[in-house]
Amino acid sequence: MLKEPSLIQDHILANNIYQCTINDCCYGPLVDCIKHAVGQEHEVLLRDKLMERNLSFLDENQLRTMGYDKTPDIILEVPVAVEGHIIHWIESKASFGDDHSHRTYLNEQFWSYWNRFGPGLVIYWYGFIEELDCQRDRGILLKDCFPTDIVTLCHATKLEQMSESQEEDDKE
């Protein structure tokens, strides 16, 4: 009835319910719609950033068509390293990472992704409580922006070649 107050027989009650949903700045259907739209915008931003870096990935929709039921927003087809941690998947959260919501996400989403796909990265675009970033050694890294220090296999190979070349130059 909250989503369709026009279905309520009592017109005064229907109008009051409608006014409540319009004025509810936290939990009403309009707020849910706005949160969903902001979440979608940040998922598009994430995909754009990955494409700018020429990283090969599958998004949530592609994974669902492949039969996966519980998926992160992004699976990297070739893992990368961020701050020395291997990353197989990325989850985008267009919200602030507070203690309650992060624990819920850990239990209902992140550990499932970790079990299925390995270690991953969660981006809380609106920040998070720093103490929550305590699962790095177990395979869940938290950031508040798209990482700028991504190391790919290609970069690692080039760095090794440069290091070997430098060693050879030093020997001469």
C-alpha atoms as a PDB file:
ATOM      1  CA  MET A   1       0.000   0.000   0.000  1.00  0.00           C
ATOM      2  CA  LEU A   2       2.977   2.306   0.579  1.00  0.00           C
ATOM      3  CA  LYS A   3       4.020   1.910  -3.045  1.00  0.00           C
ATOM      4  CA  GLU A   4       0.461   2.305  -4.370  1.00  0.00           C
ATOM      5  CA  PRO A   5      -1.582   4.415  -1.927  1.00  0.00           C
ATOM      6  CA  SER A   6      -4.151   4.940  -4.681  1.00  0.00           C
ATOM      7  CA  LEU A   7      -5.287   1.348  -3.996  1.00  0.00           C
ATOM      8  CA  ILE A   8      -6.400   2.323  -0.474  1.00  0.00           C
ATOM      9  CA  GLN A   9     -10.208   2.688  -0.332  1.00  0.00           C
ATOM     10  CA  ASP A  10     -10.197   5.456   2.276  1.00  0.00           C
ATOM     11  CA  HIS A  11      -9.177   8.536   0.261  1.00  0.00           C
ATOM     12  CA  ILE A  12      -8.086  10.562   3.297  1.00  0.00           C
ATOM     13  CA  LEU A  13      -5.873   7.706   4.496  1.00  0.00           C
ATOM     14  CA  ALA A  14      -4.569   7.231   0.949  1.00  0.00           C
ATOM     15  CA  ASN A  15      -3.644  10.915   0.733  1.00  0.00           C
ATOM     16  CA  ASN A  16      -1.956  10.819   4.154  1.00  0.00           C
ATOM     17  CA  ILE A  17       0.060   7.736   3.162  1.00  0.00           C
ATOM     18  CA  TYR A  18       1.042   9.385  -0.107  1.00  0.00           C
ATOM     19  CA  GLN A  19       2.196  12.533   1.755  1.00  0.00           C
ATOM     20  CA  CYS A  20       4.222  10.402   4.164  1.00  0.00           C
ATOM     21  CA  THR A  21       6.032   8.610   1.347  1.00  0.00           C
ATOM     22  CA  ILE A  22       6.768  11.910  -0.395  1.00  0.00           C
ATOM     23  CA  ASN A  23       8.149  13.482   2.793  1.00  0.00           C
ATOM     24  CA  ASP A  24      10.063  10.432   4.069  1.00  0.00           C
ATOM     25  CA  CYS A  25      13.718  11.374   3.537  1.00  0.00           C
ATOM     26  CA  CYS A  26      15.126   8.007   4.663  1.00  0.00           C
ATOM     27  CA  TYR A  27      13.002   4.965   3.860  1.00  0.00           C
ATOM     28  CA  GLY A  28      10.209   5.824   1.431  1.00  0.00           C
ATOM     29  CA  PRO A  29       9.809   4.451  -2.097  1.00  0.00           C
ATOM     30  CA  LEU A  30      11.117   7.680  -3.636  1.00  0.00           C
ATOM     31  CA  VAL A  31      14.268   7.490  -1.533  1.00  0.00           C
ATOM     32  CA  ASP A  32      14.706   3.836  -2.534  1.00  0.00           C
ATOM     33  CA  CYS A  33      14.398   4.881  -6.170  1.00  0.00           C
ATOM     34  CA  ILE A  34      17.014   7.618  -5.721  1.00  0.00           C
ATOM     35  CA  LYS A  35      19.394   5.231  -3.910  1.00  0.00           C
ATOM     36  CA  HIS A  36      18.994   2.695  -6.695  1.00  0.00           C
ATOM     37  CA  ALA A  37      19.709   5.337  -9.366  1.00  0.00           C
ATOM     38  CA  VAL A  38      22.810   6.586  -7.525  1.00  0.00           C
ATOM     39  CA  GLY A  39      24.003   2.984  -7.163  1.00  0.00           C
ATOM     40  CA  GLN A  40      23.552   2.418 -10.895  1.00  0.00           C
ATOM     41  CA  GLU A  41      25.483   5.617 -11.690  1.00  0.00           C
ATOM     42  CA  HIS A  42      28.427   4.444  -9.601  1.00  0.00           C
ATOM     43  CA  GLU A  43      28.400   1.004 -11.242  1.00  0.00           C
ATOM     44  CA  VAL A  44      28.605   2.771 -14.628  1.00  0.00           C
ATOM     45  CA  LEU A  45      31.457   4.908 -13.275  1.00  0.00           C
ATOM     46  CA  LEU A  46      33.260   1.739 -12.167  1.00  0.00           C
ATOM     47  CA  ARG A  47      32.834   0.113 -15.584  1.00  0.00           C
ATOM     48  CA  ASP A  48      34.090   3.299 -17.274  1.00  0.00           C
ATOM     49  CA  LYS A  49      37.197   3.366 -15.050  1.00  0.00           C
ATOM     50  CA  LEU A  50      37.906  -0.291 -15.817  1.00  0.00           C
ATOM     51  CA  MET A  51      37.538   0.315 -19.554  1.00  0.00           C
ATOM     52  CA  GLU A  52      39.863   3.363 -19.340  1.00  0.00           C
ATOM     53  CA  ARG A  53      42.491   1.037 -17.850  1.00  0.00           C
ATOM     54  CA  ASN A  54      41.810  -1.608 -20.543  1.00  0.00           C
ATOM     55  CA  LEU A  55      40.964  -4.201 -17.904  1.00  0.00           C
ATOM     56  CA  SER A  56      38.902  -7.147 -19.079  1.00  0.00           C
ATOM     57  CA  PHE A  57      35.862  -7.843 -16.909  1.00  0.00           C
ATOM     58  CA  LEU A  58      32.372  -9.272 -16.719  1.00  0.00           C
ATOM     59  CA  ASP A  59      29.629  -7.245 -15.089  1.00  0.00           C
ATOM     60  CA  GLU A  60      26.767  -8.450 -12.927  1.00  0.00           C
ATOM     61  CA  ASN A  61      24.323  -8.714 -15.847  1.00  0.00           C
ATOM     62  CA  GLN A  62      26.735 -10.810 -17.925  1.00  0.00           C
ATOM     63  CA  LEU A  63      27.373 -13.082 -14.951  1.00  0.00           C
ATOM     64  CA  ARG A  64      23.650 -13.589 -14.361  1.00  0.00           C
ATOM     65  CA  THR A  65      23.135 -14.628 -17.987  1.00  0.00           C
ATOM     66  CA  MET A  66      25.912 -17.169 -17.409  1.00  0.00           C
ATOM     67  CA  GLY A  67      23.889 -18.681 -14.546  1.00  0.00           C
ATOM     68  CA  TYR A  68      25.491 -17.084 -11.502  1.00  0.00           C
ATOM     69  CA  ASP A  69      22.910 -16.148  -8.883  1.00  0.00           C
ATOM     70  CA  LYS A  70      24.962 -14.201  -6.324  1.00  0.00           C
ATOM     71  CA  THR A  71      27.496 -11.980  -8.022  1.00  0.00           C
ATOM     72  CA  PRO A  72      29.622  -8.938  -7.302  1.00  0.00           C
ATOM     73  CA  ASP A  73      29.257  -5.975  -9.633  1.00  0.00           C
ATOM     74  CA  ILE A  74      32.464  -6.892 -11.492  1.00  0.00           C
ATOM     75  CA  ILE A  75      34.547 -10.023 -12.006  1.00  0.00           C
ATOM     76  CA  LEU A  76      37.964  -9.319 -13.444  1.00  0.00           C
ATOM     77  CA  GLU A  77      38.814 -11.804 -16.174  1.00  0.00           C
ATOM     78  CA  VAL A  78      42.479 -11.375 -15.270  1.00  0.00           C
ATOM     79  CA  PRO A  79      43.158 -10.581 -11.595  1.00  0.00           C
ATOM     80  CA  VAL A  80      45.068  -7.425 -10.671  1.00  0.00           C
ATOM     81  CA  ALA A  81      46.995  -6.288  -7.609  1.00  0.00           C
ATOM     82  CA  VAL A  82      45.984  -3.279  -5.526  1.00  0.00           C
ATOM     83  CA  GLU A  83      48.317  -2.201  -2.736  1.00  0.00           C
ATOM     84  CA  GLY A  84      49.974  -5.614  -2.966  1.00  0.00           C
ATOM     85  CA  HIS A  85      46.674  -7.523  -2.674  1.00  0.00           C
ATOM     86  CA  ILE A  86      45.339  -9.718  -5.479  1.00  0.00           C
ATOM     87  CA  ILE A  87      41.836  -8.707  -6.611  1.00  0.00           C
ATOM     88  CA  HIS A  88      39.440 -10.986  -8.546  1.00  0.00           C
ATOM     89  CA  TRP A  89      36.200  -9.030  -8.081  1.00  0.00           C
ATOM     90  CA  ILE A  90      34.966  -5.507  -7.305  1.00  0.00           C
ATOM     91  CA  GLU A  91      31.789  -4.463  -5.517  1.00  0.00           C
ATOM     92  CA  SER A  92      30.570  -0.857  -5.829  1.00  0.00           C
ATOM     93  CA  LYS A  93      28.718   0.680  -2.883  1.00  0.00           C
ATOM     94  CA  ALA A  94      27.307   4.173  -3.450  1.00  0.00           C
ATOM     95  CA  SER A  95      26.987   4.724   0.280  1.00  0.00           C
ATOM     96  CA  PHE A  96      29.047   5.361   3.388  1.00  0.00           C
ATOM     97  CA  GLY A  97      30.480   2.210   4.952  1.00  0.00           C
ATOM     98  CA  ASP A  98      29.232   2.277   8.533  1.00  0.00           C
ATOM     99  CA  ASP A  99      29.683  -0.575  10.992  1.00  0.00           C
ATOM    100  CA  HIS A 100      26.142  -1.969  10.747  1.00  0.00           C
ATOM    101  CA  SER A 101      25.811  -1.922   6.953  1.00  0.00           C
ATOM    102  CA  HIS A 102      29.350  -3.242   6.418  1.00  0.00           C
ATOM    103  CA  ARG A 103      28.780  -6.207   8.733  1.00  0.00           C
ATOM    104  CA  THR A 104      25.535  -6.962   6.912  1.00  0.00           C
ATOM    105  CA  TYR A 105      27.277  -6.743   3.518  1.00  0.00           C
ATOM    106  CA  LEU A 106      30.138  -8.946   4.773  1.00  0.00           C
ATOM    107  CA  ASN A 107      27.759 -11.676   5.901  1.00  0.00           C
ATOM    108  CA  GLU A 108      25.233 -11.462   3.063  1.00  0.00           C
ATOM    109  CA  GLN A 109      27.503 -10.624   0.109  1.00  0.00           C
ATOM    110  CA  PHE A 110      31.253 -10.206   0.465  1.00  0.00           C
ATOM    111  CA  TRP A 111      32.135 -13.552   2.061  1.00  0.00           C
ATOM    112  CA  SER A 112      29.989 -15.337  -0.554  1.00  0.00           C
ATOM    113  CA  TYR A 113      31.914 -13.555  -3.311  1.00  0.00           C
ATOM    114  CA  TRP A 114      35.187 -14.433  -1.609  1.00  0.00           C
ATOM    115  CA  ASN A 115      34.173 -18.111  -1.367  1.00  0.00           C
ATOM    116  CA  ARG A 116      33.178 -18.250  -5.048  1.00  0.00           C
ATOM    117  CA  PHE A 117      35.677 -15.957  -6.726  1.00  0.00           C
ATOM    118  CA  GLY A 118      38.587 -15.358  -4.336  1.00  0.00           C
ATOM    119  CA  PRO A 119      39.799 -12.063  -2.871  1.00  0.00           C
ATOM    120  CA  GLY A 120      38.152  -8.808  -3.868  1.00  0.00           C
ATOM    121  CA  LEU A 121      37.765  -5.078  -3.514  1.00  0.00           C
ATOM    122  CA  VAL A 122      34.824  -3.100  -2.145  1.00  0.00           C
ATOM    123  CA  ILE A 123      34.608   0.565  -3.116  1.00  0.00           C
ATOM    124  CA  TYR A 124      32.540   2.658  -0.703  1.00  0.00           C
ATOM    125  CA  TRP A 125      32.287   5.758  -2.888  1.00  0.00           C
ATOM    126  CA  TYR A 126      31.163   7.942   0.036  1.00  0.00           C
ATOM    127  CA  GLY A 127      33.849   6.757   2.455  1.00  0.00           C
ATOM    128  CA  PHE A 128      33.903   4.254   5.283  1.00  0.00           C
ATOM    129  CA  ILE A 129      35.007   3.902   8.887  1.00  0.00           C
ATOM    130  CA  GLU A 130      38.718   3.085   8.615  1.00  0.00           C
ATOM    131  CA  GLU A 131      38.595   0.389  11.290  1.00  0.00           C
ATOM    132  CA  LEU A 132      36.319  -1.657   9.004  1.00  0.00           C
ATOM    133  CA  ASP A 133      39.208  -2.231   6.576  1.00  0.00           C
ATOM    134  CA  CYS A 134      40.494  -5.094   8.726  1.00  0.00           C
ATOM    135  CA  GLN A 135      39.919  -8.052   6.367  1.00  0.00           C
ATOM    136  CA  ARG A 136      42.740  -7.304   3.893  1.00  0.00           C
ATOM    137  CA  ASP A 137      44.805 -10.294   4.983  1.00  0.00           C
ATOM    138  CA  ARG A 138      41.724 -12.488   4.555  1.00  0.00           C
ATOM    139  CA  GLY A 139      41.016 -11.147   1.065  1.00  0.00           C
ATOM    140  CA  ILE A 140      38.569  -8.230   1.266  1.00  0.00           C
ATOM    141  CA  LEU A 141      40.070  -4.800   0.621  1.00  0.00           C
ATOM    142  CA  LEU A 142      38.139  -1.548   1.177  1.00  0.00           C
ATOM    143  CA  LYS A 143      38.708   1.702  -0.745  1.00  0.00           C
ATOM    144  CA  ASP A 144      36.785   4.971  -1.074  1.00  0.00           C
ATOM    145  CA  CYS A 145      37.690   5.551  -4.732  1.00  0.00           C
ATOM    146  CA  PHE A 146      38.833   3.666  -7.784  1.00  0.00           C
ATOM    147  CA  PRO A 147      42.429   2.595  -7.117  1.00  0.00           C
ATOM    148  CA  THR A 148      45.147   4.439  -8.991  1.00  0.00           C
ATOM    149  CA  ASP A 149      47.877   1.928  -8.200  1.00  0.00           C
ATOM    150  CA  ILE A 150      46.549  -1.111 -10.067  1.00  0.00           C
ATOM    151  CA  VAL A 151      49.261  -3.550 -11.099  1.00  0.00           C
ATOM    152  CA  THR A 152      48.415  -5.896 -13.946  1.00  0.00           C
ATOM    153  CA  LEU A 153      50.282  -8.961 -15.124  1.00  0.00           C
ATOM    154  CA  CYS A 154      51.512  -6.864 -18.048  1.00  0.00           C
ATOM    155  CA  HIS A 155      52.889  -4.203 -15.665  1.00  0.00           C
ATOM    156  CA  ALA A 156      54.498  -6.842 -13.471  1.00  0.00           C
ATOM    157  CA  THR A 157      56.224  -8.424 -16.478  1.00  0.00           C
ATOM    158  CA  LYS A 158      57.493  -5.029 -17.663  1.00  0.00           C
ATOM    159  CA  LEU A 159      58.739  -4.203 -14.150  1.00  0.00           C
ATOM    160  CA  GLU A 160      60.580  -7.525 -13.981  1.00  0.00           C
ATOM    161  CA  GLN A 161      62.144  -6.919 -17.387  1.00  0.00           C
ATOM    162  CA  MET A 162      63.181  -3.416 -16.348  1.00  0.00           C
ATOM    163  CA  SER A 163      64.627  -4.763 -13.120  1.00  0.00           C
ATOM    164  CA  GLU A 164      66.559  -7.483 -14.980  1.00  0.00           C
ATOM    165  CA  SER A 165      67.806  -4.910 -17.493  1.00  0.00           C
ATOM    166  CA  GLN A 166      68.937  -2.644 -14.641  1.00  0.00           C
ATOM    167  CA  GLU A 167      70.740  -5.551 -12.986  1.00  0.00           C
ATOM    168  CA  GLU A 168      72.556  -6.311 -16.247  1.00  0.00           C
ATOM    169  CA  ASP A 169      73.526  -2.637 -16.595  1.00  0.00           C
ATOM    170  CA  ASP A 170      74.795  -2.634 -13.011  1.00  0.00           C
ATOM    171  CA  LYS A 171      76.973  -5.711 -13.731  1.00  0.00           C
ATOM    172  CA  GLU A 172      78.595  -3.956 -16.683  1.00  0.00           C
END
